[in-house]
Amino acid sequence: QVQLVESGGGLVQPEGSLRLSCAASGIIFSRYRMGWYRQAPGKQRKSGATITSGGSTNYADSVRGRFTISRDGAKNTVYLQMNSLKPEDTAVYYCNVDQPGTRNEFWGQGTQVTVSS
């Protein structure tokens, strides 16, 4: 059974930082691309950052330069370091894993990030 357990969300002031974690189990971690998506109230879920099994990263324009995605194969965990947070970063952040070339894709339960003074 695949499980993605997210942690690290919360309330932070503008220009603050947070680090999200997503621990995966039930998959062969090295075969999966990992990603963080976010969904703001009343809006569609969108990709924020992804990282391939080889370590190649991709970022949405809105977060590039402020967010950093990384993965630790020994811990089966993907991270999202978020710096210089803005109120518009407020959203539920979802961990996503997918195996290229297959239909295998899984989502975490989401963690709330609120940026407010």
Protein backbone atom coordinates (compact mmCIF):
# COMPACT_ATOMS: atom_id res chain seq x y z
CA GLN A 1 0.00 0.00 0.00
CA VAL A 2 1.39 3.36 -1.04
CA GLN A 3 1.52 6.06 1.60
CA LEU A 4 2.70 9.65 1.29
CA VAL A 5 2.89 11.44 4.62
CA GLU A 6 3.40 15.19 4.46
CA SER A 7 4.52 17.45 7.26
CA GLY A 8 5.91 20.90 7.86
CA GLY A 9 3.02 23.16 6.96
CA GLY A 10 1.77 25.95 9.16
CA LEU A 11 1.40 29.68 9.61
CA VAL A 12 4.33 31.92 8.72
CA GLN A 13 4.80 35.64 8.30
CA PRO A 14 5.62 37.16 4.90
CA GLU A 15 9.30 36.77 4.00
CA GLY A 16 9.51 33.78 6.33
CA SER A 17 10.54 30.21 5.53
CA LEU A 18 9.10 26.74 5.87
CA ARG A 19 10.30 23.29 4.89
CA LEU A 20 7.80 20.67 3.80
CA SER A 21 8.58 16.96 3.93
CA CYS A 22 6.89 14.01 2.26
CA ALA A 23 7.84 10.52 3.37
CA ALA A 24 6.93 7.79 0.89
CA SER A 25 6.37 4.11 1.57
CA GLY A 26 5.12 1.25 -0.54
CA ILE A 27 6.96 2.34 -3.69
CA ILE A 28 10.41 1.87 -5.13
CA PHE A 29 11.40 5.46 -4.50
CA SER A 30 14.16 5.60 -7.10
CA ARG A 31 11.71 4.86 -9.92
CA TYR A 32 9.47 7.80 -9.23
CA ARG A 33 9.44 11.46 -10.07
CA MET A 34 8.44 13.51 -7.04
CA GLY A 35 6.60 16.78 -6.96
CA TRP A 36 4.89 19.40 -4.88
CA TYR A 37 1.61 20.85 -6.11
CA ARG A 38 -0.47 23.51 -4.49
CA GLN A 39 -4.09 24.56 -4.51
CA ALA A 40 -5.20 27.97 -3.33
CA PRO A 41 -8.81 28.55 -2.26
CA GLY A 42 -11.12 28.65 -5.26
CA LYS A 43 -8.34 27.80 -7.69
CA GLN A 44 -7.09 24.76 -9.54
CA ARG A 45 -4.27 22.61 -8.27
CA LYS A 46 -1.02 23.53 -9.98
CA SER A 47 2.49 22.20 -10.05
CA GLY A 48 5.00 24.06 -7.94
CA ALA A 49 8.13 21.98 -8.28
CA THR A 50 9.18 18.55 -9.49
CA ILE A 51 12.32 16.45 -9.26
CA THR A 52 13.13 13.37 -11.32
CA SER A 53 14.79 10.22 -10.09
CA GLY A 54 18.01 11.56 -11.58
CA GLY A 55 17.73 14.83 -9.68
CA SER A 56 16.60 17.14 -12.47
CA THR A 57 14.32 19.86 -11.15
CA ASN A 58 11.61 22.03 -12.60
CA TYR A 59 9.88 24.99 -11.00
CA ALA A 60 6.83 27.07 -11.68
CA ASP A 61 7.72 30.66 -12.54
CA SER A 62 5.93 31.86 -9.42
CA VAL A 63 8.29 29.98 -7.08
CA ARG A 64 11.56 29.79 -9.01
CA GLY A 65 14.39 31.32 -7.04
CA ARG A 66 12.52 31.08 -3.74
CA PHE A 67 11.66 27.38 -3.44
CA THR A 68 14.02 24.41 -3.63
CA ILE A 69 12.94 20.81 -4.09
CA SER A 70 15.20 17.95 -3.07
CA ARG A 71 15.00 14.24 -2.41
CA ASP A 72 16.74 11.82 -0.07
CA GLY A 73 16.76 8.25 -1.34
CA ALA A 74 17.98 6.84 1.95
CA LYS A 75 14.92 8.26 3.71
CA ASN A 76 12.44 7.93 0.82
CA THR A 77 11.62 11.56 1.40
CA VAL A 78 11.15 14.62 -0.76
CA TYR A 79 11.50 18.13 0.62
CA LEU A 80 10.37 21.58 -0.38
CA GLN A 81 12.35 24.42 1.14
CA MET A 82 10.30 27.59 0.82
CA ASN A 83 11.96 30.95 1.41
CA SER A 84 10.79 34.54 1.02
CA LEU A 85 7.21 33.40 1.36
CA LYS A 86 4.45 35.67 0.12
CA PRO A 87 0.74 35.81 1.00
CA GLU A 88 -0.02 34.46 -2.48
CA ASP A 89 1.85 31.27 -1.56
CA THR A 90 -1.01 30.45 0.81
CA ALA A 91 -2.45 27.12 -0.31
CA VAL A 92 -2.78 23.46 0.49
CA TYR A 93 0.43 21.78 -0.65
CA TYR A 94 0.23 18.23 -1.98
CA CYS A 95 3.00 15.72 -2.46
CA ASN A 96 2.81 13.79 -5.72
CA VAL A 97 4.73 10.81 -7.05
CA ASP A 98 4.49 9.34 -10.52
CA GLN A 99 6.38 6.69 -12.40
CA PRO A 100 7.14 7.84 -15.95
CA GLY A 101 5.82 5.53 -18.64
CA THR A 102 3.19 4.02 -16.37
CA ARG A 103 -0.12 5.03 -14.85
CA ASN A 104 1.28 4.83 -11.37
CA GLU A 105 0.58 8.13 -9.64
CA PHE A 106 -0.19 8.87 -6.02
CA TRP A 107 -1.07 11.90 -3.91
CA GLY A 108 -0.55 12.85 -0.31
CA GLN A 109 -3.32 14.18 1.88
CA GLY A 110 -2.11 17.78 1.71
CA THR A 111 -0.68 20.20 4.24
CA GLN A 112 -1.85 23.77 4.76
CA VAL A 113 0.58 26.64 4.34
CA THR A 114 -0.67 30.08 5.36
CA VAL A 115 1.44 33.19 4.85
CA SER A 116 0.03 36.09 6.80
CA SER A 117 1.08 38.81 9.20
